[in-house]
Amino acid sequence: MAVTDTHTRLSISGLGWGFSAAFVMLFVLSMLAALFLPLRAAHGVVTLLSDADIRSTRIWIDGLVWSVAIGWLIALVFGTIYNWIVARRAPELFGK
């Protein structure tokens, strides 16, 4: 098994879209559960993103916007820190 001198940097834009898509899907699933099932936990997740009434249109808009914003924020923080650590540790890992 050969060891290479390169390290892989994470794509911030790829992370942003991936995290945003995941948070949007989680919001939609929580919203559907809060509307159709008597689950208090799902309603709690939904109310983290909006204080609007559960049956209003505004809660969907707020939830989707905040899901995308949180996804990008996490991607920026996580990706930047990961890339910084990998760039600093690459010489140590490969004996340079």
PDB file of N, CA and C in Angstrom:
ATOM      1  N   MET A   1       0.843  -1.165   0.000  1.00  0.00           N
ATOM      2  CA  MET A   1       0.000   0.000   0.000  1.00  0.00           C
ATOM      3  C   MET A   1       0.898   1.240   0.000  1.00  0.00           C
ATOM      4  N   ALA A   2       0.726   2.094  -0.974  1.00  0.00           N
ATOM      5  CA  ALA A   2       1.556   3.280  -1.123  1.00  0.00           C
ATOM      6  C   ALA A   2       0.932   4.464  -0.396  1.00  0.00           C
ATOM      7  N   VAL A   3       1.797   5.266   0.206  1.00  0.00           N
ATOM      8  CA  VAL A   3       1.357   6.487   0.864  1.00  0.00           C
ATOM      9  C   VAL A   3       1.672   7.646  -0.061  1.00  0.00           C
ATOM     10  N   THR A   4       0.695   8.486  -0.296  1.00  0.00           N
ATOM     11  CA  THR A   4       0.914   9.637  -1.175  1.00  0.00           C
ATOM     12  C   THR A   4       1.187  10.882  -0.354  1.00  0.00           C
ATOM     13  N   ASP A   5       1.748  11.890  -1.004  1.00  0.00           N
ATOM     14  CA  ASP A   5       2.077  13.147  -0.344  1.00  0.00           C
ATOM     15  C   ASP A   5       0.940  14.154  -0.381  1.00  0.00           C
ATOM     16  N   THR A   6      -0.184  13.788  -0.886  1.00  0.00           N
ATOM     17  CA  THR A   6      -1.275  14.749  -0.999  1.00  0.00           C
ATOM     18  C   THR A   6      -2.292  14.529   0.099  1.00  0.00           C
ATOM     19  N   HIS A   7      -2.993  15.551   0.412  1.00  0.00           N
ATOM     20  CA  HIS A   7      -4.114  15.463   1.335  1.00  0.00           C
ATOM     21  C   HIS A   7      -5.336  16.022   0.627  1.00  0.00           C
ATOM     22  N   THR A   8      -6.467  15.496   0.963  1.00  0.00           N
ATOM     23  CA  THR A   8      -7.693  15.910   0.306  1.00  0.00           C
ATOM     24  C   THR A   8      -8.362  17.013   1.105  1.00  0.00           C
ATOM     25  N   ARG A   9      -8.589  18.122   0.446  1.00  0.00           N
ATOM     26  CA  ARG A   9      -9.312  19.221   1.071  1.00  0.00           C
ATOM     27  C   ARG A   9     -10.796  19.046   0.780  1.00  0.00           C
ATOM     28  N   LEU A  10     -11.609  19.405   1.736  1.00  0.00           N
ATOM     29  CA  LEU A  10     -13.051  19.328   1.542  1.00  0.00           C
ATOM     30  C   LEU A  10     -13.547  20.532   0.753  1.00  0.00           C
ATOM     31  N   SER A  11     -14.499  20.300  -0.098  1.00  0.00           N
ATOM     32  CA  SER A  11     -15.123  21.376  -0.853  1.00  0.00           C
ATOM     33  C   SER A  11     -16.181  22.045   0.023  1.00  0.00           C
ATOM     34  N   ILE A  12     -15.996  23.328   0.305  1.00  0.00           N
ATOM     35  CA  ILE A  12     -16.942  24.056   1.148  1.00  0.00           C
ATOM     36  C   ILE A  12     -18.311  24.137   0.456  1.00  0.00           C
ATOM     37  N   SER A  13     -18.315  24.343  -0.846  1.00  0.00           N
ATOM     38  CA  SER A  13     -19.602  24.440  -1.545  1.00  0.00           C
ATOM     39  C   SER A  13     -20.317  23.088  -1.560  1.00  0.00           C
ATOM     40  N   GLY A  14     -19.567  22.010  -1.727  1.00  0.00           N
ATOM     41  CA  GLY A  14     -20.178  20.688  -1.671  1.00  0.00           C
ATOM     42  C   GLY A  14     -20.750  20.386  -0.298  1.00  0.00           C
ATOM     43  N   LEU A  15     -19.994  20.746   0.734  1.00  0.00           N
ATOM     44  CA  LEU A  15     -20.496  20.578   2.101  1.00  0.00           C
ATOM     45  C   LEU A  15     -21.732  21.428   2.343  1.00  0.00           C
ATOM     46  N   GLY A  16     -21.708  22.667   1.850  1.00  0.00           N
ATOM     47  CA  GLY A  16     -22.843  23.572   2.053  1.00  0.00           C
ATOM     48  C   GLY A  16     -24.115  23.020   1.442  1.00  0.00           C
ATOM     49  N   TRP A  17     -24.017  22.557   0.204  1.00  0.00           N
ATOM     50  CA  TRP A  17     -25.211  21.994  -0.437  1.00  0.00           C
ATOM     51  C   TRP A  17     -25.641  20.700   0.227  1.00  0.00           C
ATOM     52  N   GLY A  18     -24.678  19.878   0.636  1.00  0.00           N
ATOM     53  CA  GLY A  18     -25.007  18.610   1.280  1.00  0.00           C
ATOM     54  C   GLY A  18     -25.676  18.797   2.633  1.00  0.00           C
ATOM     55  N   PHE A  19     -25.081  19.645   3.480  1.00  0.00           N
ATOM     56  CA  PHE A  19     -25.684  19.907   4.788  1.00  0.00           C
ATOM     57  C   PHE A  19     -27.039  20.591   4.640  1.00  0.00           C
ATOM     58  N   SER A  20     -27.149  21.521   3.707  1.00  0.00           N
ATOM     59  CA  SER A  20     -28.430  22.205   3.497  1.00  0.00           C
ATOM     60  C   SER A  20     -29.512  21.223   3.065  1.00  0.00           C
ATOM     61  N   ALA A  21     -29.174  20.347   2.130  1.00  0.00           N
ATOM     62  CA  ALA A  21     -30.156  19.349   1.680  1.00  0.00           C
ATOM     63  C   ALA A  21     -30.565  18.431   2.824  1.00  0.00           C
ATOM     64  N   ALA A  22     -29.609  18.031   3.642  1.00  0.00           N
ATOM     65  CA  ALA A  22     -29.929  17.160   4.779  1.00  0.00           C
ATOM     66  C   ALA A  22     -30.836  17.873   5.776  1.00  0.00           C
ATOM     67  N   PHE A  23     -30.543  19.129   6.094  1.00  0.00           N
ATOM     68  CA  PHE A  23     -31.372  19.865   7.050  1.00  0.00           C
ATOM     69  C   PHE A  23     -32.761  20.155   6.487  1.00  0.00           C
ATOM     70  N   VAL A  24     -32.861  20.420   5.199  1.00  0.00           N
ATOM     71  CA  VAL A  24     -34.171  20.633   4.584  1.00  0.00           C
ATOM     72  C   VAL A  24     -35.000  19.357   4.677  1.00  0.00           C
ATOM     73  N   MET A  25     -34.383  18.219   4.369  1.00  0.00           N
ATOM     74  CA  MET A  25     -35.113  16.948   4.457  1.00  0.00           C
ATOM     75  C   MET A  25     -35.541  16.653   5.893  1.00  0.00           C
ATOM     76  N   LEU A  26     -34.663  16.915   6.859  1.00  0.00           N
ATOM     77  CA  LEU A  26     -35.033  16.702   8.259  1.00  0.00           C
ATOM     78  C   LEU A  26     -36.169  17.628   8.674  1.00  0.00           C
ATOM     79  N   PHE A  27     -36.137  18.877   8.203  1.00  0.00           N
ATOM     80  CA  PHE A  27     -37.219  19.797   8.527  1.00  0.00           C
ATOM     81  C   PHE A  27     -38.539  19.332   7.924  1.00  0.00           C
ATOM     82  N   VAL A  28     -38.514  18.924   6.668  1.00  0.00           N
ATOM     83  CA  VAL A  28     -39.750  18.472   6.005  1.00  0.00           C
ATOM     84  C   VAL A  28     -40.305  17.241   6.710  1.00  0.00           C
ATOM     85  N   LEU A  29     -39.450  16.281   7.044  1.00  0.00           N
ATOM     86  CA  LEU A  29     -39.923  15.094   7.752  1.00  0.00           C
ATOM     87  C   LEU A  29     -40.476  15.441   9.133  1.00  0.00           C
ATOM     88  N   SER A  30     -39.802  16.343   9.845  1.00  0.00           N
ATOM     89  CA  SER A  30     -40.303  16.774  11.154  1.00  0.00           C
ATOM     90  C   SER A  30     -41.622  17.520  11.028  1.00  0.00           C
ATOM     91  N   MET A  31     -41.735  18.333   9.997  1.00  0.00           N
ATOM     92  CA  MET A  31     -42.959  19.083   9.764  1.00  0.00           C
ATOM     93  C   MET A  31     -44.120  18.144   9.460  1.00  0.00           C
ATOM     94  N   LEU A  32     -43.892  17.165   8.607  1.00  0.00           N
ATOM     95  CA  LEU A  32     -44.943  16.199   8.296  1.00  0.00           C
ATOM     96  C   LEU A  32     -45.332  15.391   9.532  1.00  0.00           C
ATOM     97  N   ALA A  33     -44.349  15.010  10.331  1.00  0.00           N
ATOM     98  CA  ALA A  33     -44.648  14.277  11.561  1.00  0.00           C
ATOM     99  C   ALA A  33     -45.428  15.151  12.538  1.00  0.00           C
ATOM    100  N   ALA A  34     -45.069  16.422  12.633  1.00  0.00           N
ATOM    101  CA  ALA A  34     -45.773  17.329  13.546  1.00  0.00           C
ATOM    102  C   ALA A  34     -47.209  17.574  13.090  1.00  0.00           C
ATOM    103  N   LEU A  35     -47.439  17.566  11.785  1.00  0.00           N
ATOM    104  CA  LEU A  35     -48.786  17.808  11.268  1.00  0.00           C
ATOM    105  C   LEU A  35     -49.689  16.575  11.364  1.00  0.00           C
ATOM    106  N   PHE A  36     -49.129  15.398  11.145  1.00  0.00           N
ATOM    107  CA  PHE A  36     -49.971  14.207  11.021  1.00  0.00           C
ATOM    108  C   PHE A  36     -49.866  13.212  12.166  1.00  0.00           C
ATOM    109  N   LEU A  37     -48.847  13.325  12.995  1.00  0.00           N
ATOM    110  CA  LEU A  37     -48.676  12.399  14.112  1.00  0.00           C
ATOM    111  C   LEU A  37     -48.621  13.174  15.417  1.00  0.00           C
ATOM    112  N   PRO A  38     -49.079  12.590  16.478  1.00  0.00           N
ATOM    113  CA  PRO A  38     -49.022  13.297  17.769  1.00  0.00           C
ATOM    114  C   PRO A  38     -47.653  13.157  18.438  1.00  0.00           C
ATOM    115  N   LEU A  39     -46.603  13.583  17.748  1.00  0.00           N
ATOM    116  CA  LEU A  39     -45.250  13.496  18.302  1.00  0.00           C
ATOM    117  C   LEU A  39     -44.800  14.872  18.774  1.00  0.00           C
ATOM    118  N   ARG A  40     -44.602  15.016  20.050  1.00  0.00           N
ATOM    119  CA  ARG A  40     -44.155  16.301  20.580  1.00  0.00           C
ATOM    120  C   ARG A  40     -42.714  16.598  20.186  1.00  0.00           C
ATOM    121  N   ALA A  41     -41.902  15.566  20.015  1.00  0.00           N
ATOM    122  CA  ALA A  41     -40.501  15.783  19.633  1.00  0.00           C
ATOM    123  C   ALA A  41     -40.394  16.423  18.254  1.00  0.00           C
ATOM    124  N   ALA A  42     -41.218  15.978  17.309  1.00  0.00           N
ATOM    125  CA  ALA A  42     -41.191  16.561  15.964  1.00  0.00           C
ATOM    126  C   ALA A  42     -41.613  18.020  16.007  1.00  0.00           C
ATOM    127  N   HIS A  43     -42.630  18.315  16.818  1.00  0.00           N
ATOM    128  CA  HIS A  43     -43.081  19.701  16.943  1.00  0.00           C
ATOM    129  C   HIS A  43     -41.987  20.561  17.575  1.00  0.00           C
ATOM    130  N   GLY A  44     -41.220  19.980  18.498  1.00  0.00           N
ATOM    131  CA  GLY A  44     -40.111  20.706  19.118  1.00  0.00           C
ATOM    132  C   GLY A  44     -39.025  21.053  18.128  1.00  0.00           C
ATOM    133  N   VAL A  45     -38.720  20.150  17.219  1.00  0.00           N
ATOM    134  CA  VAL A  45     -37.709  20.419  16.185  1.00  0.00           C
ATOM    135  C   VAL A  45     -38.184  21.532  15.264  1.00  0.00           C
ATOM    136  N   VAL A  46     -39.448  21.499  14.906  1.00  0.00           N
ATOM    137  CA  VAL A  46     -40.005  22.520  14.014  1.00  0.00           C
ATOM    138  C   VAL A  46     -39.977  23.888  14.683  1.00  0.00           C
ATOM    139  N   THR A  47     -40.298  23.947  15.951  1.00  0.00           N
ATOM    140  CA  THR A  47     -40.340  25.247  16.634  1.00  0.00           C
ATOM    141  C   THR A  47     -38.949  25.817  16.908  1.00  0.00           C
ATOM    142  N   LEU A  48     -37.914  25.024  16.730  1.00  0.00           N
ATOM    143  CA  LEU A  48     -36.563  25.578  16.825  1.00  0.00           C
ATOM    144  C   LEU A  48     -36.276  26.546  15.682  1.00  0.00           C
ATOM    145  N   LEU A  49     -36.919  26.324  14.549  1.00  0.00           N
ATOM    146  CA  LEU A  49     -36.633  27.122  13.361  1.00  0.00           C
ATOM    147  C   LEU A  49     -37.628  28.247  13.102  1.00  0.00           C
ATOM    148  N   SER A  50     -38.786  28.196  13.737  1.00  0.00           N
ATOM    149  CA  SER A  50     -39.786  29.240  13.523  1.00  0.00           C
ATOM    150  C   SER A  50     -40.730  29.295  14.712  1.00  0.00           C
ATOM    151  N   ASP A  51     -41.209  30.496  14.980  1.00  0.00           N
ATOM    152  CA  ASP A  51     -42.191  30.650  16.054  1.00  0.00           C
ATOM    153  C   ASP A  51     -43.609  30.830  15.509  1.00  0.00           C
ATOM    154  N   ALA A  52     -43.774  30.611  14.220  1.00  0.00           N
ATOM    155  CA  ALA A  52     -45.097  30.750  13.589  1.00  0.00           C
ATOM    156  C   ALA A  52     -45.987  29.566  13.961  1.00  0.00           C
ATOM    157  N   ASP A  53     -47.268  29.735  13.714  1.00  0.00           N
ATOM    158  CA  ASP A  53     -48.239  28.683  13.955  1.00  0.00           C
ATOM    159  C   ASP A  53     -47.916  27.472  13.078  1.00  0.00           C
ATOM    160  N   ILE A  54     -48.122  26.285  13.625  1.00  0.00           N
ATOM    161  CA  ILE A  54     -47.749  25.050  12.934  1.00  0.00           C
ATOM    162  C   ILE A  54     -48.510  24.859  11.620  1.00  0.00           C
ATOM    163  N   ARG A  55     -49.661  25.454  11.472  1.00  0.00           N
ATOM    164  CA  ARG A  55     -50.460  25.283  10.257  1.00  0.00           C
ATOM    165  C   ARG A  55     -50.315  26.453   9.270  1.00  0.00           C
ATOM    166  N   SER A  56     -49.401  27.360   9.527  1.00  0.00           N
ATOM    167  CA  SER A  56     -49.254  28.517   8.639  1.00  0.00           C
ATOM    168  C   SER A  56     -48.231  28.257   7.542  1.00  0.00           C
ATOM    169  N   THR A  57     -48.276  29.088   6.521  1.00  0.00           N
ATOM    170  CA  THR A  57     -47.312  29.001   5.424  1.00  0.00           C
ATOM    171  C   THR A  57     -45.957  29.551   5.856  1.00  0.00           C
ATOM    172  N   ARG A  58     -45.991  30.509   6.770  1.00  0.00           N
ATOM    173  CA  ARG A  58     -44.747  31.153   7.206  1.00  0.00           C
ATOM    174  C   ARG A  58     -43.794  30.159   7.859  1.00  0.00           C
ATOM    175  N   ILE A  59     -44.318  29.159   8.551  1.00  0.00           N
ATOM    176  CA  ILE A  59     -43.439  28.196   9.202  1.00  0.00           C
ATOM    177  C   ILE A  59     -42.634  27.391   8.183  1.00  0.00           C
ATOM    178  N   TRP A  60     -43.247  27.104   7.027  1.00  0.00           N
ATOM    179  CA  TRP A  60     -42.533  26.399   5.963  1.00  0.00           C
ATOM    180  C   TRP A  60     -41.411  27.267   5.403  1.00  0.00           C
ATOM    181  N   ILE A  61     -41.711  28.541   5.156  1.00  0.00           N
ATOM    182  CA  ILE A  61     -40.702  29.450   4.604  1.00  0.00           C
ATOM    183  C   ILE A  61     -39.562  29.639   5.592  1.00  0.00           C
ATOM    184  N   ASP A  62     -39.912  29.941   6.858  1.00  0.00           N
ATOM    185  CA  ASP A  62     -38.885  30.122   7.879  1.00  0.00           C
ATOM    186  C   ASP A  62     -38.033  28.871   8.041  1.00  0.00           C
ATOM    187  N   GLY A  63     -38.670  27.728   8.120  1.00  0.00           N
ATOM    188  CA  GLY A  63     -37.947  26.479   8.323  1.00  0.00           C
ATOM    189  C   GLY A  63     -37.002  26.147   7.185  1.00  0.00           C
ATOM    190  N   LEU A  64     -37.454  26.351   5.960  1.00  0.00           N
ATOM    191  CA  LEU A  64     -36.600  26.059   4.807  1.00  0.00           C
ATOM    192  C   LEU A  64     -35.432  27.039   4.706  1.00  0.00           C
ATOM    193  N   VAL A  65     -35.717  28.312   4.940  1.00  0.00           N
ATOM    194  CA  VAL A  65     -34.643  29.318   4.885  1.00  0.00           C
ATOM    195  C   VAL A  65     -33.609  29.058   5.974  1.00  0.00           C
ATOM    196  N   TRP A  66     -34.069  28.810   7.198  1.00  0.00           N
ATOM    197  CA  TRP A  66     -33.140  28.548   8.290  1.00  0.00           C
ATOM    198  C   TRP A  66     -32.395  27.237   8.103  1.00  0.00           C
ATOM    199  N   SER A  67     -33.014  26.234   7.517  1.00  0.00           N
ATOM    200  CA  SER A  67     -32.327  24.965   7.249  1.00  0.00           C
ATOM    201  C   SER A  67     -31.164  25.173   6.292  1.00  0.00           C
ATOM    202  N   VAL A  68     -31.388  25.943   5.235  1.00  0.00           N
ATOM    203  CA  VAL A  68     -30.317  26.234   4.271  1.00  0.00           C
ATOM    204  C   VAL A  68     -29.229  27.086   4.933  1.00  0.00           C
ATOM    205  N   ALA A  69     -29.623  28.099   5.694  1.00  0.00           N
ATOM    206  CA  ALA A  69     -28.654  28.970   6.353  1.00  0.00           C
ATOM    207  C   ALA A  69     -27.799  28.193   7.358  1.00  0.00           C
ATOM    208  N   ILE A  70     -28.408  27.342   8.142  1.00  0.00           N
ATOM    209  CA  ILE A  70     -27.663  26.550   9.122  1.00  0.00           C
ATOM    210  C   ILE A  70     -26.746  25.561   8.420  1.00  0.00           C
ATOM    211  N   GLY A  71     -27.215  24.963   7.324  1.00  0.00           N
ATOM    212  CA  GLY A  71     -26.371  24.042   6.558  1.00  0.00           C
ATOM    213  C   GLY A  71     -25.118  24.719   6.050  1.00  0.00           C
ATOM    214  N   TRP A  72     -25.262  25.919   5.504  1.00  0.00           N
ATOM    215  CA  TRP A  72     -24.097  26.645   4.997  1.00  0.00           C
ATOM    216  C   TRP A  72     -23.184  27.119   6.118  1.00  0.00           C
ATOM    217  N   LEU A  73     -23.759  27.526   7.234  1.00  0.00           N
ATOM    218  CA  LEU A  73     -22.940  27.962   8.363  1.00  0.00           C
ATOM    219  C   LEU A  73     -22.096  26.806   8.893  1.00  0.00           C
ATOM    220  N   ILE A  74     -22.707  25.656   9.061  1.00  0.00           N
ATOM    221  CA  ILE A  74     -21.964  24.490   9.535  1.00  0.00           C
ATOM    222  C   ILE A  74     -20.902  24.088   8.516  1.00  0.00           C
ATOM    223  N   ALA A  75     -21.229  24.139   7.237  1.00  0.00           N
ATOM    224  CA  ALA A  75     -20.254  23.792   6.199  1.00  0.00           C
ATOM    225  C   ALA A  75     -19.062  24.742   6.225  1.00  0.00           C
ATOM    226  N   LEU A  76     -19.328  26.028   6.385  1.00  0.00           N
ATOM    227  CA  LEU A  76     -18.235  27.002   6.441  1.00  0.00           C
ATOM    228  C   LEU A  76     -17.328  26.760   7.633  1.00  0.00           C
ATOM    229  N   VAL A  77     -17.919  26.548   8.794  1.00  0.00           N
ATOM    230  CA  VAL A  77     -17.117  26.339   9.996  1.00  0.00           C
ATOM    231  C   VAL A  77     -16.387  24.998   9.929  1.00  0.00           C
ATOM    232  N   PHE A  78     -17.115  23.926   9.680  1.00  0.00           N
ATOM    233  CA  PHE A  78     -16.515  22.594   9.659  1.00  0.00           C
ATOM    234  C   PHE A  78     -15.483  22.461   8.545  1.00  0.00           C
ATOM    235  N   GLY A  79     -15.821  22.882   7.343  1.00  0.00           N
ATOM    236  CA  GLY A  79     -14.906  22.759   6.211  1.00  0.00           C
ATOM    237  C   GLY A  79     -13.639  23.572   6.388  1.00  0.00           C
ATOM    238  N   THR A  80     -13.781  24.790   6.887  1.00  0.00           N
ATOM    239  CA  THR A  80     -12.613  25.642   7.094  1.00  0.00           C
ATOM    240  C   THR A  80     -11.688  25.051   8.149  1.00  0.00           C
ATOM    241  N   ILE A  81     -12.245  24.612   9.263  1.00  0.00           N
ATOM    242  CA  ILE A  81     -11.419  24.028  10.318  1.00  0.00           C
ATOM    243  C   ILE A  81     -10.773  22.730   9.841  1.00  0.00           C
ATOM    244  N   TYR A  82     -11.528  21.882   9.180  1.00  0.00           N
ATOM    245  CA  TYR A  82     -10.977  20.622   8.669  1.00  0.00           C
ATOM    246  C   TYR A  82      -9.835  20.885   7.694  1.00  0.00           C
ATOM    247  N   ASN A  83     -10.048  21.761   6.732  1.00  0.00           N
ATOM    248  CA  ASN A  83      -9.009  22.058   5.741  1.00  0.00           C
ATOM    249  C   ASN A  83      -7.773  22.661   6.395  1.00  0.00           C
ATOM    250  N   TRP A  84      -7.958  23.493   7.408  1.00  0.00           N
ATOM    251  CA  TRP A  84      -6.839  24.104   8.112  1.00  0.00           C
ATOM    252  C   TRP A  84      -6.038  23.046   8.857  1.00  0.00           C
ATOM    253  N   ILE A  85      -6.740  22.121   9.550  1.00  0.00           N
ATOM    254  CA  ILE A  85      -6.052  21.072  10.305  1.00  0.00           C
ATOM    255  C   ILE A  85      -5.316  20.127   9.364  1.00  0.00           C
ATOM    256  N   VAL A  86      -5.957  19.732   8.283  1.00  0.00           N
ATOM    257  CA  VAL A  86      -5.318  18.812   7.336  1.00  0.00           C
ATOM    258  C   VAL A  86      -4.091  19.463   6.704  1.00  0.00           C
ATOM    259  N   ALA A  87      -4.184  20.736   6.365  1.00  0.00           N
ATOM    260  CA  ALA A  87      -3.051  21.426   5.751  1.00  0.00           C
ATOM    261  C   ALA A  87      -1.878  21.541   6.732  1.00  0.00           C
ATOM    262  N   ARG A  88      -2.170  21.736   8.001  1.00  0.00           N
ATOM    263  CA  ARG A  88      -1.104  21.863   8.994  1.00  0.00           C
ATOM    264  C   ARG A  88      -0.496  20.528   9.361  1.00  0.00           C
ATOM    265  N   ARG A  89      -1.318  19.478   9.373  1.00  0.00           N
ATOM    266  CA  ARG A  89      -0.837  18.167   9.812  1.00  0.00           C
ATOM    267  C   ARG A  89      -0.266  17.320   8.683  1.00  0.00           C
ATOM    268  N   ALA A  90      -0.455  17.719   7.449  1.00  0.00           N
ATOM    269  CA  ALA A  90       0.023  16.921   6.321  1.00  0.00           C
ATOM    270  C   ALA A  90       1.527  16.681   6.386  1.00  0.00           C
ATOM    271  N   PRO A  91       2.353  17.685   6.655  1.00  0.00           N
ATOM    272  CA  PRO A  91       3.809  17.409   6.740  1.00  0.00           C
ATOM    273  C   PRO A  91       4.146  16.428   7.864  1.00  0.00           C
ATOM    274  N   GLU A  92       3.460  16.495   8.998  1.00  0.00           N
ATOM    275  CA  GLU A  92       3.723  15.582  10.104  1.00  0.00           C
ATOM    276  C   GLU A  92       3.315  14.150   9.743  1.00  0.00           C
ATOM    277  N   LEU A  93       2.192  14.030   9.058  1.00  0.00           N
ATOM    278  CA  LEU A  93       1.680  12.715   8.725  1.00  0.00           C
ATOM    279  C   LEU A  93       2.545  11.991   7.702  1.00  0.00           C
ATOM    280  N   PHE A  94       3.140  12.743   6.791  1.00  0.00           N
ATOM    281  CA  PHE A  94       3.897  12.129   5.718  1.00  0.00           C
ATOM    282  C   PHE A  94       5.415  12.276   5.911  1.00  0.00           C
ATOM    283  N   GLY A  95       5.836  12.664   7.105  1.00  0.00           N
ATOM    284  CA  GLY A  95       7.245  12.688   7.426  1.00  0.00           C
ATOM    285  C   GLY A  95       8.067  13.729   6.722  1.00  0.00           C
ATOM    286  N   LYS A  96       7.509  14.905   6.497  1.00  0.00           N
ATOM    287  CA  LYS A  96       8.257  15.967   5.826  1.00  0.00           C
ATOM    288  C   LYS A  96       8.553  17.093   6.775  1.00  0.00           C
TER     289      LYS A  96
END
